[in-house]
Every structure is written in structure tokens, then in C-alpha cells.
């Protein structure tokens, strides 16, 4: 797992955030798919 350095700029942090959000959405979609 990747560790974001403190020196990382805002764009980098935003990319990390977007990636995490995407992962969360993928998990939620998977749950919905399994429940159906």
C-alpha cells in the first residue's frame, strides 16, 4: 500500500482521494450486485 508523502502537493492528494472514492463506489456496487 502506498504512503503519501507530506511534501505531496494538492493535486496528488486529490488524486489519492479520488482513487479512494472510486474504490468505495466499486465496493458498494459489488454489494448491490451480490444482494440482488
PDB file of N, CA and C in Angstrom:
ATOM      1  N   UNK A   1       0.846  -1.203   0.000  1.00  0.00           N
ATOM      2  CA  UNK A   1       0.000   0.000   0.000  1.00  0.00           C
ATOM      3  C   UNK A   1       0.875   1.244   0.000  1.00  0.00           C
ATOM      4  N   UNK A   2       0.401   2.251  -0.725  1.00  0.00           N
ATOM      5  CA  UNK A   2       1.214   3.440  -0.946  1.00  0.00           C
ATOM      6  C   UNK A   2       1.037   4.457   0.175  1.00  0.00           C
ATOM      7  N   UNK A   3       2.141   5.043   0.596  1.00  0.00           N
ATOM      8  CA  UNK A   3       2.090   6.088   1.617  1.00  0.00           C
ATOM      9  C   UNK A   3       2.317   7.434   0.931  1.00  0.00           C
ATOM     10  N   UNK A   4       1.402   8.368   1.149  1.00  0.00           N
ATOM     11  CA  UNK A   4       1.531   9.688   0.535  1.00  0.00           C
ATOM     12  C   UNK A   4       2.483  10.533   1.374  1.00  0.00           C
ATOM     13  N   UNK A   5       3.488  11.067   0.722  1.00  0.00           N
ATOM     14  CA  UNK A   5       4.453  11.892   1.452  1.00  0.00           C
ATOM     15  C   UNK A   5       3.832  13.224   1.825  1.00  0.00           C
ATOM     16  N   UNK A   6       4.310  13.772   2.944  1.00  0.00           N
ATOM     17  CA  UNK A   6       3.791  15.047   3.429  1.00  0.00           C
ATOM     18  C   UNK A   6       4.085  16.162   2.418  1.00  0.00           C
ATOM     19  N   UNK A   7       5.169  16.024   1.687  1.00  0.00           N
ATOM     20  CA  UNK A   7       5.560  17.030   0.710  1.00  0.00           C
ATOM     21  C   UNK A   7       4.683  17.004  -0.549  1.00  0.00           C
ATOM     22  N   UNK A   8       3.833  16.031  -0.627  1.00  0.00           N
ATOM     23  CA  UNK A   8       2.966  15.881  -1.795  1.00  0.00           C
ATOM     24  C   UNK A   8       2.063  17.109  -1.958  1.00  0.00           C
ATOM     25  N   UNK A   9       1.882  17.521  -3.217  1.00  0.00           N
ATOM     26  CA  UNK A   9       1.075  18.723  -3.448  1.00  0.00           C
ATOM     27  C   UNK A   9      -0.412  18.408  -3.462  1.00  0.00           C
ATOM     28  N   UNK A  10      -1.223  19.446  -3.603  1.00  0.00           N
ATOM     29  CA  UNK A  10      -2.683  19.292  -3.510  1.00  0.00           C
ATOM     30  C   UNK A  10      -3.215  18.356  -4.589  1.00  0.00           C
ATOM     31  N   UNK A  11      -2.694  18.468  -5.798  1.00  0.00           N
ATOM     32  CA  UNK A  11      -3.164  17.615  -6.895  1.00  0.00           C
ATOM     33  C   UNK A  11      -2.960  16.139  -6.568  1.00  0.00           C
ATOM     34  N   UNK A  12      -1.811  15.840  -5.986  1.00  0.00           N
ATOM     35  CA  UNK A  12      -1.505  14.458  -5.628  1.00  0.00           C
ATOM     36  C   UNK A  12      -2.489  13.957  -4.577  1.00  0.00           C
ATOM     37  N   UNK A  13      -2.747  14.780  -3.578  1.00  0.00           N
ATOM     38  CA  UNK A  13      -3.689  14.397  -2.528  1.00  0.00           C
ATOM     39  C   UNK A  13      -5.085  14.201  -3.124  1.00  0.00           C
ATOM     40  N   UNK A  14      -5.466  15.082  -4.034  1.00  0.00           N
ATOM     41  CA  UNK A  14      -6.758  14.962  -4.694  1.00  0.00           C
ATOM     42  C   UNK A  14      -6.857  13.649  -5.464  1.00  0.00           C
ATOM     43  N   UNK A  15      -5.781  13.279  -6.139  1.00  0.00           N
ATOM     44  CA  UNK A  15      -5.767  12.010  -6.874  1.00  0.00           C
ATOM     45  C   UNK A  15      -5.975  10.836  -5.926  1.00  0.00           C
ATOM     46  N   UNK A  16      -5.296  10.876  -4.790  1.00  0.00           N
ATOM     47  CA  UNK A  16      -5.465   9.819  -3.795  1.00  0.00           C
ATOM     48  C   UNK A  16      -6.921   9.753  -3.341  1.00  0.00           C
ATOM     49  N   UNK A  17      -7.488  10.905  -3.072  1.00  0.00           N
ATOM     50  CA  UNK A  17      -8.866  10.985  -2.602  1.00  0.00           C
ATOM     51  C   UNK A  17      -9.819  10.419  -3.652  1.00  0.00           C
ATOM     52  N   UNK A  18      -9.639  10.840  -4.906  1.00  0.00           N
ATOM     53  CA  UNK A  18     -10.495  10.352  -5.994  1.00  0.00           C
ATOM     54  C   UNK A  18     -10.384   8.838  -6.117  1.00  0.00           C
ATOM     55  N   UNK A  19      -9.174   8.322  -5.948  1.00  0.00           N
ATOM     56  CA  UNK A  19      -8.957   6.889  -6.055  1.00  0.00           C
ATOM     57  C   UNK A  19      -9.708   6.148  -4.948  1.00  0.00           C
ATOM     58  N   UNK A  20      -9.623   6.680  -3.737  1.00  0.00           N
ATOM     59  CA  UNK A  20     -10.316   6.045  -2.606  1.00  0.00           C
ATOM     60  C   UNK A  20     -11.830   6.075  -2.817  1.00  0.00           C
ATOM     61  N   UNK A  21     -12.340   7.208  -3.299  1.00  0.00           N
ATOM     62  CA  UNK A  21     -13.777   7.318  -3.558  1.00  0.00           C
ATOM     63  C   UNK A  21     -14.196   6.280  -4.596  1.00  0.00           C
ATOM     64  N   UNK A  22     -13.399   6.133  -5.637  1.00  0.00           N
ATOM     65  CA  UNK A  22     -13.717   5.163  -6.683  1.00  0.00           C
ATOM     66  C   UNK A  22     -13.735   3.746  -6.108  1.00  0.00           C
ATOM     67  N   UNK A  23     -12.762   3.440  -5.273  1.00  0.00           N
ATOM     68  CA  UNK A  23     -12.713   2.120  -4.643  1.00  0.00           C
ATOM     69  C   UNK A  23     -13.973   1.877  -3.813  1.00  0.00           C
ATOM     70  N   UNK A  24     -14.370   2.866  -3.044  1.00  0.00           N
ATOM     71  CA  UNK A  24     -15.569   2.744  -2.222  1.00  0.00           C
ATOM     72  C   UNK A  24     -16.795   2.479  -3.078  1.00  0.00           C
ATOM     73  N   UNK A  25     -16.929   3.225  -4.168  1.00  0.00           N
ATOM     74  CA  UNK A  25     -18.077   3.049  -5.052  1.00  0.00           C
ATOM     75  C   UNK A  25     -18.078   1.652  -5.657  1.00  0.00           C
ATOM     76  N   UNK A  26     -16.883   1.163  -6.031  1.00  0.00           N
ATOM     77  CA  UNK A  26     -16.785  -0.180  -6.592  1.00  0.00           C
ATOM     78  C   UNK A  26     -17.271  -1.216  -5.588  1.00  0.00           C
ATOM     79  N   UNK A  27     -16.891  -1.032  -4.331  1.00  0.00           N
ATOM     80  CA  UNK A  27     -17.306  -1.975  -3.283  1.00  0.00           C
ATOM     81  C   UNK A  27     -18.826  -1.918  -3.101  1.00  0.00           C
ATOM     82  N   UNK A  28     -19.382  -0.717  -3.086  1.00  0.00           N
ATOM     83  CA  UNK A  28     -20.831  -0.577  -2.923  1.00  0.00           C
ATOM     84  C   UNK A  28     -21.574  -1.226  -4.079  1.00  0.00           C
ATOM     85  N   UNK A  29     -21.078  -1.007  -5.300  1.00  0.00           N
ATOM     86  CA  UNK A  29     -21.708  -1.608  -6.474  1.00  0.00           C
ATOM     87  C   UNK A  29     -21.649  -3.126  -6.392  1.00  0.00           C
ATOM     88  N   UNK A  30     -20.535  -3.633  -5.892  1.00  0.00           N
ATOM     89  CA  UNK A  30     -20.372  -5.077  -5.757  1.00  0.00           C
ATOM     90  C   UNK A  30     -21.386  -5.625  -4.750  1.00  0.00           C
ATOM     91  N   UNK A  31     -21.569  -4.902  -3.640  1.00  0.00           N
ATOM     92  CA  UNK A  31     -22.546  -5.328  -2.634  1.00  0.00           C
ATOM     93  C   UNK A  31     -23.946  -5.382  -3.230  1.00  0.00           C
ATOM     94  N   UNK A  32     -24.320  -4.317  -3.949  1.00  0.00           N
ATOM     95  CA  UNK A  32     -25.653  -4.270  -4.560  1.00  0.00           C
ATOM     96  C   UNK A  32     -25.840  -5.445  -5.512  1.00  0.00           C
ATOM     97  N   UNK A  33     -24.774  -5.728  -6.267  1.00  0.00           N
ATOM     98  CA  UNK A  33     -24.830  -6.824  -7.229  1.00  0.00           C
ATOM     99  C   UNK A  33     -25.038  -8.159  -6.513  1.00  0.00           C
ATOM    100  N   UNK A  34     -24.331  -8.340  -5.402  1.00  0.00           N
ATOM    101  CA  UNK A  34     -24.419  -9.598  -4.643  1.00  0.00           C
ATOM    102  C   UNK A  34     -25.793  -9.733  -3.987  1.00  0.00           C
ATOM    103  N   UNK A  35     -26.341  -8.615  -3.484  1.00  0.00           N
ATOM    104  CA  UNK A  35     -27.634  -8.663  -2.792  1.00  0.00           C
ATOM    105  C   UNK A  35     -28.765  -9.035  -3.746  1.00  0.00           C
ATOM    106  N   UNK A  36     -28.660  -8.587  -5.004  1.00  0.00           N
ATOM    107  CA  UNK A  36     -29.745  -8.845  -5.954  1.00  0.00           C
ATOM    108  C   UNK A  36     -29.940 -10.324  -6.228  1.00  0.00           C
TER     109      UNK A  36
END
